[in-house]
ModelCIF file with pLDDT and N, C-alpha, C, O atoms, coordinates in Angstrom:
data_MODEL
#
_entry.id   MODEL 
#
_entity.id                         1 
_entity.type                       polymer 
_entity.pdbx_number_of_molecules   1 
#
_entity_poly.entity_id                      1 
_entity_poly.type                           'polypeptide(L)' 
_entity_poly.nstd_linkage                   no 
_entity_poly.nstd_monomer                   no 
_entity_poly.pdbx_seq_one_letter_code       
;(UNK)(UNK)(UNK)(UNK)(UNK)(UNK)(UNK)(UNK)(UNK)(UNK)(UNK)(UNK)(UNK)(UNK)(UNK)(UNK)
(UNK)(UNK)(UNK)(UNK)(UNK)(UNK)(UNK)(UNK)(UNK)(UNK)(UNK)(UNK)(UNK)(UNK)(UNK)(UNK)
(UNK)(UNK)(UNK)(UNK)(UNK)(UNK)(UNK)(UNK)(UNK)(UNK)(UNK)(UNK)(UNK)(UNK)(UNK)(UNK)
;
_entity_poly.pdbx_seq_one_letter_code_can   XXXXXXXXXXXXXXXXXXXXXXXXXXXXXXXXXXXXXXXXXXXXXXXX 
_entity_poly.pdbx_strand_id                 A 
#
loop_
_entity_poly_seq.entity_id 
_entity_poly_seq.num 
_entity_poly_seq.mon_id 
_entity_poly_seq.hetero 
1 1  UNK n 
1 2  UNK n 
1 3  UNK n 
1 4  UNK n 
1 5  UNK n 
1 6  UNK n 
1 7  UNK n 
1 8  UNK n 
1 9  UNK n 
1 10 UNK n 
1 11 UNK n 
1 12 UNK n 
1 13 UNK n 
1 14 UNK n 
1 15 UNK n 
1 16 UNK n 
1 17 UNK n 
1 18 UNK n 
1 19 UNK n 
1 20 UNK n 
1 21 UNK n 
1 22 UNK n 
1 23 UNK n 
1 24 UNK n 
1 25 UNK n 
1 26 UNK n 
1 27 UNK n 
1 28 UNK n 
1 29 UNK n 
1 30 UNK n 
1 31 UNK n 
1 32 UNK n 
1 33 UNK n 
1 34 UNK n 
1 35 UNK n 
1 36 UNK n 
1 37 UNK n 
1 38 UNK n 
1 39 UNK n 
1 40 UNK n 
1 41 UNK n 
1 42 UNK n 
1 43 UNK n 
1 44 UNK n 
1 45 UNK n 
1 46 UNK n 
1 47 UNK n 
1 48 UNK n 
#
_struct_asym.id          A 
_struct_asym.entity_id   1 
#
loop_
_ma_qa_metric.id 
_ma_qa_metric.mode 
_ma_qa_metric.name 
_ma_qa_metric.software_group_id 
_ma_qa_metric.type 
1 global pLDDT . pLDDT 
2 local  pLDDT . pLDDT 
#
_ma_qa_metric_global.metric_id      1 
_ma_qa_metric_global.metric_value   92.08 
_ma_qa_metric_global.model_id       1 
_ma_qa_metric_global.ordinal_id     1 
#
loop_
_ma_qa_metric_local.label_asym_id 
_ma_qa_metric_local.label_comp_id 
_ma_qa_metric_local.label_seq_id 
_ma_qa_metric_local.metric_id 
_ma_qa_metric_local.metric_value 
_ma_qa_metric_local.model_id 
_ma_qa_metric_local.ordinal_id 
A UNK 1  2 91.00 1 1  
A UNK 2  2 91.00 1 2  
A UNK 3  2 93.00 1 3  
A UNK 4  2 92.00 1 4  
A UNK 5  2 93.00 1 5  
A UNK 6  2 94.00 1 6  
A UNK 7  2 93.00 1 7  
A UNK 8  2 93.00 1 8  
A UNK 9  2 94.00 1 9  
A UNK 10 2 92.00 1 10 
A UNK 11 2 93.00 1 11 
A UNK 12 2 93.00 1 12 
A UNK 13 2 93.00 1 13 
A UNK 14 2 92.00 1 14 
A UNK 15 2 93.00 1 15 
A UNK 16 2 92.00 1 16 
A UNK 17 2 92.00 1 17 
A UNK 18 2 91.00 1 18 
A UNK 19 2 91.00 1 19 
A UNK 20 2 92.00 1 20 
A UNK 21 2 91.00 1 21 
A UNK 22 2 91.00 1 22 
A UNK 23 2 91.00 1 23 
A UNK 24 2 92.00 1 24 
A UNK 25 2 92.00 1 25 
A UNK 26 2 92.00 1 26 
A UNK 27 2 93.00 1 27 
A UNK 28 2 93.00 1 28 
A UNK 29 2 91.00 1 29 
A UNK 30 2 94.00 1 30 
A UNK 31 2 94.00 1 31 
A UNK 32 2 93.00 1 32 
A UNK 33 2 92.00 1 33 
A UNK 34 2 92.00 1 34 
A UNK 35 2 92.00 1 35 
A UNK 36 2 91.00 1 36 
A UNK 37 2 91.00 1 37 
A UNK 38 2 90.00 1 38 
A UNK 39 2 90.00 1 39 
A UNK 40 2 90.00 1 40 
A UNK 41 2 90.00 1 41 
A UNK 42 2 89.00 1 42 
A UNK 43 2 92.00 1 43 
A UNK 44 2 91.00 1 44 
A UNK 45 2 93.00 1 45 
A UNK 46 2 94.00 1 46 
A UNK 47 2 94.00 1 47 
A UNK 48 2 94.00 1 48 
#
loop_
_atom_site.group_PDB 
_atom_site.id 
_atom_site.type_symbol 
_atom_site.label_atom_id 
_atom_site.label_alt_id 
_atom_site.label_comp_id 
_atom_site.label_asym_id 
_atom_site.label_entity_id 
_atom_site.label_seq_id 
_atom_site.pdbx_PDB_ins_code 
_atom_site.Cartn_x 
_atom_site.Cartn_y 
_atom_site.Cartn_z 
_atom_site.occupancy 
_atom_site.B_iso_or_equiv 
_atom_site.pdbx_formal_charge 
_atom_site.auth_seq_id 
_atom_site.auth_comp_id 
_atom_site.auth_asym_id 
_atom_site.auth_atom_id 
_atom_site.pdbx_PDB_model_num 
ATOM 1   N N  . UNK A 1 1  ? 117.129 97.010  141.720 1.00 91.00 ? 1  UNK A N  1 
ATOM 2   C CA . UNK A 1 1  ? 116.184 97.379  142.773 1.00 91.00 ? 1  UNK A CA 1 
ATOM 3   C C  . UNK A 1 1  ? 116.268 96.400  143.941 1.00 91.00 ? 1  UNK A C  1 
ATOM 4   O O  . UNK A 1 1  ? 116.221 96.804  145.103 1.00 91.00 ? 1  UNK A O  1 
ATOM 5   N N  . UNK A 1 2  ? 116.394 95.109  143.624 1.00 91.00 ? 2  UNK A N  1 
ATOM 6   C CA . UNK A 1 2  ? 116.535 94.108  144.682 1.00 91.00 ? 2  UNK A CA 1 
ATOM 7   C C  . UNK A 1 2  ? 117.811 94.367  145.474 1.00 91.00 ? 2  UNK A C  1 
ATOM 8   O O  . UNK A 1 2  ? 117.801 94.299  146.704 1.00 91.00 ? 2  UNK A O  1 
ATOM 9   N N  . UNK A 1 3  ? 118.899 94.661  144.788 1.00 93.00 ? 3  UNK A N  1 
ATOM 10  C CA . UNK A 1 3  ? 120.168 94.944  145.477 1.00 93.00 ? 3  UNK A CA 1 
ATOM 11  C C  . UNK A 1 3  ? 120.041 96.202  146.344 1.00 93.00 ? 3  UNK A C  1 
ATOM 12  O O  . UNK A 1 3  ? 120.528 96.231  147.475 1.00 93.00 ? 3  UNK A O  1 
ATOM 13  N N  . UNK A 1 4  ? 119.392 97.229  145.816 1.00 92.00 ? 4  UNK A N  1 
ATOM 14  C CA . UNK A 1 4  ? 119.180 98.455  146.584 1.00 92.00 ? 4  UNK A CA 1 
ATOM 15  C C  . UNK A 1 4  ? 118.339 98.188  147.830 1.00 92.00 ? 4  UNK A C  1 
ATOM 16  O O  . UNK A 1 4  ? 118.620 98.718  148.905 1.00 92.00 ? 4  UNK A O  1 
ATOM 17  N N  . UNK A 1 5  ? 117.302 97.359  147.672 1.00 93.00 ? 5  UNK A N  1 
ATOM 18  C CA . UNK A 1 5  ? 116.460 97.023  148.825 1.00 93.00 ? 5  UNK A CA 1 
ATOM 19  C C  . UNK A 1 5  ? 117.234 96.218  149.866 1.00 93.00 ? 5  UNK A C  1 
ATOM 20  O O  . UNK A 1 5  ? 117.059 96.432  151.066 1.00 93.00 ? 5  UNK A O  1 
ATOM 21  N N  . UNK A 1 6  ? 118.086 95.297  149.422 1.00 94.00 ? 6  UNK A N  1 
ATOM 22  C CA . UNK A 1 6  ? 118.909 94.530  150.360 1.00 94.00 ? 6  UNK A CA 1 
ATOM 23  C C  . UNK A 1 6  ? 119.846 95.448  151.126 1.00 94.00 ? 6  UNK A C  1 
ATOM 24  O O  . UNK A 1 6  ? 120.014 95.313  152.338 1.00 94.00 ? 6  UNK A O  1 
ATOM 25  N N  . UNK A 1 7  ? 120.454 96.384  150.406 1.00 93.00 ? 7  UNK A N  1 
ATOM 26  C CA . UNK A 1 7  ? 121.362 97.331  151.057 1.00 93.00 ? 7  UNK A CA 1 
ATOM 27  C C  . UNK A 1 7  ? 120.597 98.198  152.052 1.00 93.00 ? 7  UNK A C  1 
ATOM 28  O O  . UNK A 1 7  ? 121.054 98.420  153.173 1.00 93.00 ? 7  UNK A O  1 
ATOM 29  N N  . UNK A 1 8  ? 119.444 98.679  151.640 1.00 93.00 ? 8  UNK A N  1 
ATOM 30  C CA . UNK A 1 8  ? 118.624 99.517  152.512 1.00 93.00 ? 8  UNK A CA 1 
ATOM 31  C C  . UNK A 1 8  ? 118.200 98.752  153.764 1.00 93.00 ? 8  UNK A C  1 
ATOM 32  O O  . UNK A 1 8  ? 118.216 99.290  154.872 1.00 93.00 ? 8  UNK A O  1 
ATOM 33  N N  . UNK A 1 9  ? 117.821 97.494  153.569 1.00 94.00 ? 9  UNK A N  1 
ATOM 34  C CA . UNK A 1 9  ? 117.420 96.673  154.702 1.00 94.00 ? 9  UNK A CA 1 
ATOM 35  C C  . UNK A 1 9  ? 118.595 96.439  155.652 1.00 94.00 ? 9  UNK A C  1 
ATOM 36  O O  . UNK A 1 9  ? 118.412 96.467  156.869 1.00 94.00 ? 9  UNK A O  1 
ATOM 37  N N  . UNK A 1 10 ? 119.769 96.213  155.131 1.00 92.00 ? 10 UNK A N  1 
ATOM 38  C CA . UNK A 1 10 ? 120.950 96.009  155.969 1.00 92.00 ? 10 UNK A CA 1 
ATOM 39  C C  . UNK A 1 10 ? 121.269 97.264  156.776 1.00 92.00 ? 10 UNK A C  1 
ATOM 40  O O  . UNK A 1 10 ? 121.629 97.184  157.951 1.00 92.00 ? 10 UNK A O  1 
ATOM 41  N N  . UNK A 1 11 ? 121.134 98.420  156.135 1.00 93.00 ? 11 UNK A N  1 
ATOM 42  C CA . UNK A 1 11 ? 121.384 99.684  156.836 1.00 93.00 ? 11 UNK A CA 1 
ATOM 43  C C  . UNK A 1 11 ? 120.353 99.886  157.943 1.00 93.00 ? 11 UNK A C  1 
ATOM 44  O O  . UNK A 1 11 ? 120.700 100.291 159.053 1.00 93.00 ? 11 UNK A O  1 
ATOM 45  N N  . UNK A 1 12 ? 119.095 99.607  157.644 1.00 93.00 ? 12 UNK A N  1 
ATOM 46  C CA . UNK A 1 12 ? 118.041 99.762  158.652 1.00 93.00 ? 12 UNK A CA 1 
ATOM 47  C C  . UNK A 1 12 ? 118.266 98.818  159.830 1.00 93.00 ? 12 UNK A C  1 
ATOM 48  O O  . UNK A 1 12 ? 118.048 99.194  160.982 1.00 93.00 ? 12 UNK A O  1 
ATOM 49  N N  . UNK A 1 13 ? 118.699 97.600  159.542 1.00 93.00 ? 13 UNK A N  1 
ATOM 50  C CA . UNK A 1 13 ? 118.966 96.643  160.606 1.00 93.00 ? 13 UNK A CA 1 
ATOM 51  C C  . UNK A 1 13 ? 120.138 97.112  161.472 1.00 93.00 ? 13 UNK A C  1 
ATOM 52  O O  . UNK A 1 13 ? 120.099 96.979  162.695 1.00 93.00 ? 13 UNK A O  1 
ATOM 53  N N  . UNK A 1 14 ? 121.160 97.650  160.850 1.00 92.00 ? 14 UNK A N  1 
ATOM 54  C CA . UNK A 1 14 ? 122.305 98.169  161.611 1.00 92.00 ? 14 UNK A CA 1 
ATOM 55  C C  . UNK A 1 14 ? 121.884 99.353  162.479 1.00 92.00 ? 14 UNK A C  1 
ATOM 56  O O  . UNK A 1 14 ? 122.322 99.472  163.624 1.00 92.00 ? 14 UNK A O  1 
ATOM 57  N N  . UNK A 1 15 ? 121.037 100.227 161.939 1.00 93.00 ? 15 UNK A N  1 
ATOM 58  C CA . UNK A 1 15 ? 120.551 101.371 162.715 1.00 93.00 ? 15 UNK A CA 1 
ATOM 59  C C  . UNK A 1 15 ? 119.718 100.895 163.904 1.00 93.00 ? 15 UNK A C  1 
ATOM 60  O O  . UNK A 1 15 ? 119.823 101.446 164.999 1.00 93.00 ? 15 UNK A O  1 
ATOM 61  N N  . UNK A 1 16 ? 118.892 99.870  163.687 1.00 92.00 ? 16 UNK A N  1 
ATOM 62  C CA . UNK A 1 16 ? 118.077 99.331  164.767 1.00 92.00 ? 16 UNK A CA 1 
ATOM 63  C C  . UNK A 1 16 ? 118.960 98.738  165.861 1.00 92.00 ? 16 UNK A C  1 
ATOM 64  O O  . UNK A 1 16 ? 118.708 98.940  167.049 1.00 92.00 ? 16 UNK A O  1 
ATOM 65  N N  . UNK A 1 17 ? 119.989 98.011  165.456 1.00 92.00 ? 17 UNK A N  1 
ATOM 66  C CA . UNK A 1 17 ? 120.903 97.434  166.448 1.00 92.00 ? 17 UNK A CA 1 
ATOM 67  C C  . UNK A 1 17 ? 121.614 98.535  167.225 1.00 92.00 ? 17 UNK A C  1 
ATOM 68  O O  . UNK A 1 17 ? 121.814 98.415  168.434 1.00 92.00 ? 17 UNK A O  1 
ATOM 69  N N  . UNK A 1 18 ? 121.996 99.603  166.536 1.00 91.00 ? 18 UNK A N  1 
ATOM 70  C CA . UNK A 1 18 ? 122.625 100.734 167.218 1.00 91.00 ? 18 UNK A CA 1 
ATOM 71  C C  . UNK A 1 18 ? 121.676 101.388 168.206 1.00 91.00 ? 18 UNK A C  1 
ATOM 72  O O  . UNK A 1 18 ? 122.073 101.759 169.311 1.00 91.00 ? 18 UNK A O  1 
ATOM 73  N N  . UNK A 1 19 ? 120.415 101.528 167.799 1.00 91.00 ? 19 UNK A N  1 
ATOM 74  C CA . UNK A 1 19 ? 119.425 102.130 168.692 1.00 91.00 ? 19 UNK A CA 1 
ATOM 75  C C  . UNK A 1 19 ? 119.187 101.251 169.910 1.00 91.00 ? 19 UNK A C  1 
ATOM 76  O O  . UNK A 1 19 ? 119.042 101.755 171.024 1.00 91.00 ? 19 UNK A O  1 
ATOM 77  N N  . UNK A 1 20 ? 119.146 99.939  169.703 1.00 92.00 ? 20 UNK A N  1 
ATOM 78  C CA . UNK A 1 20 ? 118.963 99.031  170.830 1.00 92.00 ? 20 UNK A CA 1 
ATOM 79  C C  . UNK A 1 20 ? 120.154 99.085  171.772 1.00 92.00 ? 20 UNK A C  1 
ATOM 80  O O  . UNK A 1 20 ? 119.980 99.031  172.990 1.00 92.00 ? 20 UNK A O  1 
ATOM 81  N N  . UNK A 1 21 ? 121.347 99.189  171.237 1.00 91.00 ? 21 UNK A N  1 
ATOM 82  C CA . UNK A 1 21 ? 122.547 99.297  172.076 1.00 91.00 ? 21 UNK A CA 1 
ATOM 83  C C  . UNK A 1 21 ? 122.525 100.591 172.879 1.00 91.00 ? 21 UNK A C  1 
ATOM 84  O O  . UNK A 1 21 ? 122.875 100.612 174.059 1.00 91.00 ? 21 UNK A O  1 
ATOM 85  N N  . UNK A 1 22 ? 122.110 101.664 172.222 1.00 91.00 ? 22 UNK A N  1 
ATOM 86  C CA . UNK A 1 22 ? 122.018 102.954 172.909 1.00 91.00 ? 22 UNK A CA 1 
ATOM 87  C C  . UNK A 1 22 ? 120.993 102.887 174.033 1.00 91.00 ? 22 UNK A C  1 
ATOM 88  O O  . UNK A 1 22 ? 121.224 103.404 175.125 1.00 91.00 ? 22 UNK A O  1 
ATOM 89  N N  . UNK A 1 23 ? 119.856 102.245 173.760 1.00 91.00 ? 23 UNK A N  1 
ATOM 90  C CA . UNK A 1 23 ? 118.823 102.123 174.786 1.00 91.00 ? 23 UNK A CA 1 
ATOM 91  C C  . UNK A 1 23 ? 119.331 101.298 175.964 1.00 91.00 ? 23 UNK A C  1 
ATOM 92  O O  . UNK A 1 23 ? 119.089 101.652 177.118 1.00 91.00 ? 23 UNK A O  1 
ATOM 93  N N  . UNK A 1 24 ? 120.028 100.208 175.684 1.00 92.00 ? 24 UNK A N  1 
ATOM 94  C CA . UNK A 1 24 ? 120.571 99.374  176.762 1.00 92.00 ? 24 UNK A CA 1 
ATOM 95  C C  . UNK A 1 24 ? 121.584 100.149 177.596 1.00 92.00 ? 24 UNK A C  1 
ATOM 96  O O  . UNK A 1 24 ? 121.599 100.037 178.822 1.00 92.00 ? 24 UNK A O  1 
ATOM 97  N N  . UNK A 1 25 ? 122.424 100.929 176.941 1.00 92.00 ? 25 UNK A N  1 
ATOM 98  C CA . UNK A 1 25 ? 123.416 101.733 177.662 1.00 92.00 ? 25 UNK A CA 1 
ATOM 99  C C  . UNK A 1 25 ? 122.736 102.802 178.511 1.00 92.00 ? 25 UNK A C  1 
ATOM 100 O O  . UNK A 1 25 ? 123.162 103.083 179.631 1.00 92.00 ? 25 UNK A O  1 
ATOM 101 N N  . UNK A 1 26 ? 121.677 103.392 177.967 1.00 92.00 ? 26 UNK A N  1 
ATOM 102 C CA . UNK A 1 26 ? 120.937 104.405 178.719 1.00 92.00 ? 26 UNK A CA 1 
ATOM 103 C C  . UNK A 1 26 ? 120.294 103.800 179.956 1.00 92.00 ? 26 UNK A C  1 
ATOM 104 O O  . UNK A 1 26 ? 120.341 104.387 181.037 1.00 92.00 ? 26 UNK A O  1 
ATOM 105 N N  . UNK A 1 27 ? 119.694 102.627 179.797 1.00 93.00 ? 27 UNK A N  1 
ATOM 106 C CA . UNK A 1 27 ? 119.066 101.964 180.942 1.00 93.00 ? 27 UNK A CA 1 
ATOM 107 C C  . UNK A 1 27 ? 120.100 101.562 181.981 1.00 93.00 ? 27 UNK A C  1 
ATOM 108 O O  . UNK A 1 27 ? 119.842 101.664 183.180 1.00 93.00 ? 27 UNK A O  1 
ATOM 109 N N  . UNK A 1 28 ? 121.262 101.107 181.540 1.00 93.00 ? 28 UNK A N  1 
ATOM 110 C CA . UNK A 1 28 ? 122.329 100.752 182.483 1.00 93.00 ? 28 UNK A CA 1 
ATOM 111 C C  . UNK A 1 28 ? 122.816 101.994 183.235 1.00 93.00 ? 28 UNK A C  1 
ATOM 112 O O  . UNK A 1 28 ? 123.068 101.944 184.439 1.00 93.00 ? 28 UNK A O  1 
ATOM 113 N N  . UNK A 1 29 ? 122.942 103.098 182.513 1.00 91.00 ? 29 UNK A N  1 
ATOM 114 C CA . UNK A 1 29 ? 123.340 104.350 183.156 1.00 91.00 ? 29 UNK A CA 1 
ATOM 115 C C  . UNK A 1 29 ? 122.315 104.821 184.169 1.00 91.00 ? 29 UNK A C  1 
ATOM 116 O O  . UNK A 1 29 ? 122.664 105.323 185.238 1.00 91.00 ? 29 UNK A O  1 
ATOM 117 N N  . UNK A 1 30 ? 121.050 104.655 183.822 1.00 94.00 ? 30 UNK A N  1 
ATOM 118 C CA . UNK A 1 30 ? 119.974 105.041 184.738 1.00 94.00 ? 30 UNK A CA 1 
ATOM 119 C C  . UNK A 1 30 ? 120.036 104.194 186.011 1.00 94.00 ? 30 UNK A C  1 
ATOM 120 O O  . UNK A 1 30 ? 119.912 104.716 187.118 1.00 94.00 ? 30 UNK A O  1 
ATOM 121 N N  . UNK A 1 31 ? 120.230 102.884 185.841 1.00 94.00 ? 31 UNK A N  1 
ATOM 122 C CA . UNK A 1 31 ? 120.320 101.991 186.998 1.00 94.00 ? 31 UNK A CA 1 
ATOM 123 C C  . UNK A 1 31 ? 121.529 102.350 187.864 1.00 94.00 ? 31 UNK A C  1 
ATOM 124 O O  . UNK A 1 31 ? 121.435 102.353 189.091 1.00 94.00 ? 31 UNK A O  1 
ATOM 125 N N  . UNK A 1 32 ? 122.661 102.653 187.227 1.00 93.00 ? 32 UNK A N  1 
ATOM 126 C CA . UNK A 1 32 ? 123.857 103.027 187.985 1.00 93.00 ? 32 UNK A CA 1 
ATOM 127 C C  . UNK A 1 32 ? 123.648 104.340 188.734 1.00 93.00 ? 32 UNK A C  1 
ATOM 128 O O  . UNK A 1 32 ? 124.098 104.499 189.868 1.00 93.00 ? 32 UNK A O  1 
ATOM 129 N N  . UNK A 1 33 ? 122.965 105.268 188.091 1.00 92.00 ? 33 UNK A N  1 
ATOM 130 C CA . UNK A 1 33 ? 122.679 106.552 188.742 1.00 92.00 ? 33 UNK A CA 1 
ATOM 131 C C  . UNK A 1 33 ? 121.781 106.347 189.956 1.00 92.00 ? 33 UNK A C  1 
ATOM 132 O O  . UNK A 1 33 ? 122.015 106.930 191.015 1.00 92.00 ? 33 UNK A O  1 
ATOM 133 N N  . UNK A 1 34 ? 120.752 105.517 189.798 1.00 92.00 ? 34 UNK A N  1 
ATOM 134 C CA . UNK A 1 34 ? 119.857 105.246 190.923 1.00 92.00 ? 34 UNK A CA 1 
ATOM 135 C C  . UNK A 1 34 ? 120.609 104.567 192.071 1.00 92.00 ? 34 UNK A C  1 
ATOM 136 O O  . UNK A 1 34 ? 120.399 104.899 193.238 1.00 92.00 ? 34 UNK A O  1 
ATOM 137 N N  . UNK A 1 35 ? 121.485 103.619 191.735 1.00 92.00 ? 35 UNK A N  1 
ATOM 138 C CA . UNK A 1 35 ? 122.256 102.932 192.778 1.00 92.00 ? 35 UNK A CA 1 
ATOM 139 C C  . UNK A 1 35 ? 123.188 103.907 193.500 1.00 92.00 ? 35 UNK A C  1 
ATOM 140 O O  . UNK A 1 35 ? 123.319 103.862 194.723 1.00 92.00 ? 35 UNK A O  1 
ATOM 141 N N  . UNK A 1 36 ? 123.828 104.781 192.736 1.00 91.00 ? 36 UNK A N  1 
ATOM 142 C CA . UNK A 1 36 ? 124.737 105.759 193.351 1.00 91.00 ? 36 UNK A CA 1 
ATOM 143 C C  . UNK A 1 36 ? 123.971 106.749 194.222 1.00 91.00 ? 36 UNK A C  1 
ATOM 144 O O  . UNK A 1 36 ? 124.442 107.148 195.287 1.00 91.00 ? 36 UNK A O  1 
ATOM 145 N N  . UNK A 1 37 ? 122.788 107.138 193.759 1.00 91.00 ? 37 UNK A N  1 
ATOM 146 C CA . UNK A 1 37 ? 121.960 108.060 194.541 1.00 91.00 ? 37 UNK A CA 1 
ATOM 147 C C  . UNK A 1 37 ? 121.540 107.407 195.846 1.00 91.00 ? 37 UNK A C  1 
ATOM 148 O O  . UNK A 1 37 ? 121.609 108.025 196.909 1.00 91.00 ? 37 UNK A O  1 
ATOM 149 N N  . UNK A 1 38 ? 121.101 106.150 195.763 1.00 90.00 ? 38 UNK A N  1 
ATOM 150 C CA . UNK A 1 38 ? 120.694 105.448 196.976 1.00 90.00 ? 38 UNK A CA 1 
ATOM 151 C C  . UNK A 1 38 ? 121.870 105.278 197.935 1.00 90.00 ? 38 UNK A C  1 
ATOM 152 O O  . UNK A 1 38 ? 121.729 105.472 199.142 1.00 90.00 ? 38 UNK A O  1 
ATOM 153 N N  . UNK A 1 39 ? 123.033 104.915 197.387 1.00 90.00 ? 39 UNK A N  1 
ATOM 154 C CA . UNK A 1 39 ? 124.219 104.755 198.242 1.00 90.00 ? 39 UNK A CA 1 
ATOM 155 C C  . UNK A 1 39 ? 124.611 106.086 198.878 1.00 90.00 ? 39 UNK A C  1 
ATOM 156 O O  . UNK A 1 39 ? 124.979 106.142 200.051 1.00 90.00 ? 39 UNK A O  1 
ATOM 157 N N  . UNK A 1 40 ? 124.528 107.151 198.091 1.00 90.00 ? 40 UNK A N  1 
ATOM 158 C CA . UNK A 1 40 ? 124.846 108.480 198.625 1.00 90.00 ? 40 UNK A CA 1 
ATOM 159 C C  . UNK A 1 40 ? 123.875 108.896 199.704 1.00 90.00 ? 40 UNK A C  1 
ATOM 160 O O  . UNK A 1 40 ? 124.266 109.498 200.704 1.00 90.00 ? 40 UNK A O  1 
ATOM 161 N N  . UNK A 1 41 ? 122.609 108.576 199.505 1.00 90.00 ? 41 UNK A N  1 
ATOM 162 C CA . UNK A 1 41 ? 121.592 108.917 200.498 1.00 90.00 ? 41 UNK A CA 1 
ATOM 163 C C  . UNK A 1 41 ? 121.857 108.181 201.804 1.00 90.00 ? 41 UNK A C  1 
ATOM 164 O O  . UNK A 1 41 ? 121.830 108.782 202.878 1.00 90.00 ? 41 UNK A O  1 
ATOM 165 N N  . UNK A 1 42 ? 122.113 106.879 201.708 1.00 89.00 ? 42 UNK A N  1 
ATOM 166 C CA . UNK A 1 42 ? 122.369 106.097 202.915 1.00 89.00 ? 42 UNK A CA 1 
ATOM 167 C C  . UNK A 1 42 ? 123.648 106.538 203.611 1.00 89.00 ? 42 UNK A C  1 
ATOM 168 O O  . UNK A 1 42 ? 123.686 106.641 204.838 1.00 89.00 ? 42 UNK A O  1 
ATOM 169 N N  . UNK A 1 43 ? 124.691 106.798 202.839 1.00 92.00 ? 43 UNK A N  1 
ATOM 170 C CA . UNK A 1 43 ? 125.946 107.202 203.483 1.00 92.00 ? 43 UNK A CA 1 
ATOM 171 C C  . UNK A 1 43 ? 125.786 108.567 204.145 1.00 92.00 ? 43 UNK A C  1 
ATOM 172 O O  . UNK A 1 43 ? 126.374 108.816 205.197 1.00 92.00 ? 43 UNK A O  1 
ATOM 173 N N  . UNK A 1 44 ? 125.005 109.442 203.546 1.00 91.00 ? 44 UNK A N  1 
ATOM 174 C CA . UNK A 1 44 ? 124.758 110.750 204.153 1.00 91.00 ? 44 UNK A CA 1 
ATOM 175 C C  . UNK A 1 44 ? 123.964 110.611 205.446 1.00 91.00 ? 44 UNK A C  1 
ATOM 176 O O  . UNK A 1 44 ? 124.242 111.283 206.439 1.00 91.00 ? 44 UNK A O  1 
ATOM 177 N N  . UNK A 1 45 ? 122.966 109.723 205.415 1.00 93.00 ? 45 UNK A N  1 
ATOM 178 C CA . UNK A 1 45 ? 122.159 109.530 206.630 1.00 93.00 ? 45 UNK A CA 1 
ATOM 179 C C  . UNK A 1 45 ? 123.000 108.901 207.746 1.00 93.00 ? 45 UNK A C  1 
ATOM 180 O O  . UNK A 1 45 ? 122.857 109.269 208.912 1.00 93.00 ? 45 UNK A O  1 
ATOM 181 N N  . UNK A 1 46 ? 123.870 107.962 207.393 1.00 94.00 ? 46 UNK A N  1 
ATOM 182 C CA . UNK A 1 46 ? 124.711 107.326 208.412 1.00 94.00 ? 46 UNK A CA 1 
ATOM 183 C C  . UNK A 1 46 ? 125.707 108.332 208.989 1.00 94.00 ? 46 UNK A C  1 
ATOM 184 O O  . UNK A 1 46 ? 125.932 108.373 210.199 1.00 94.00 ? 46 UNK A O  1 
ATOM 185 N N  . UNK A 1 47 ? 126.298 109.138 208.111 1.00 94.00 ? 47 UNK A N  1 
ATOM 186 C CA . UNK A 1 47 ? 127.239 110.159 208.595 1.00 94.00 ? 47 UNK A CA 1 
ATOM 187 C C  . UNK A 1 47 ? 126.515 111.178 209.470 1.00 94.00 ? 47 UNK A C  1 
ATOM 188 O O  . UNK A 1 47 ? 127.045 111.617 210.491 1.00 94.00 ? 47 UNK A O  1 
ATOM 189 N N  . UNK A 1 48 ? 125.310 111.548 209.069 1.00 94.00 ? 48 UNK A N  1 
ATOM 190 C CA . UNK A 1 48 ? 124.539 112.495 209.889 1.00 94.00 ? 48 UNK A CA 1 
ATOM 191 C C  . UNK A 1 48 ? 124.188 111.909 211.245 1.00 94.00 ? 48 UNK A C  1 
ATOM 192 O O  . UNK A 1 48 ? 123.542 112.573 212.056 1.00 94.00 ? 48 UNK A O  1 
#
């Protein structure tokens, strides 16, 4: 039972790390999208 709990805990920790990595990637993508949108907006206004 102790070994099973250790294994379960290791799996849960790995899943948590994966979720945190996914969240960080999502936030980075969101920031990049916002930056690209702002750059596109400014370049469109300058061209106009």
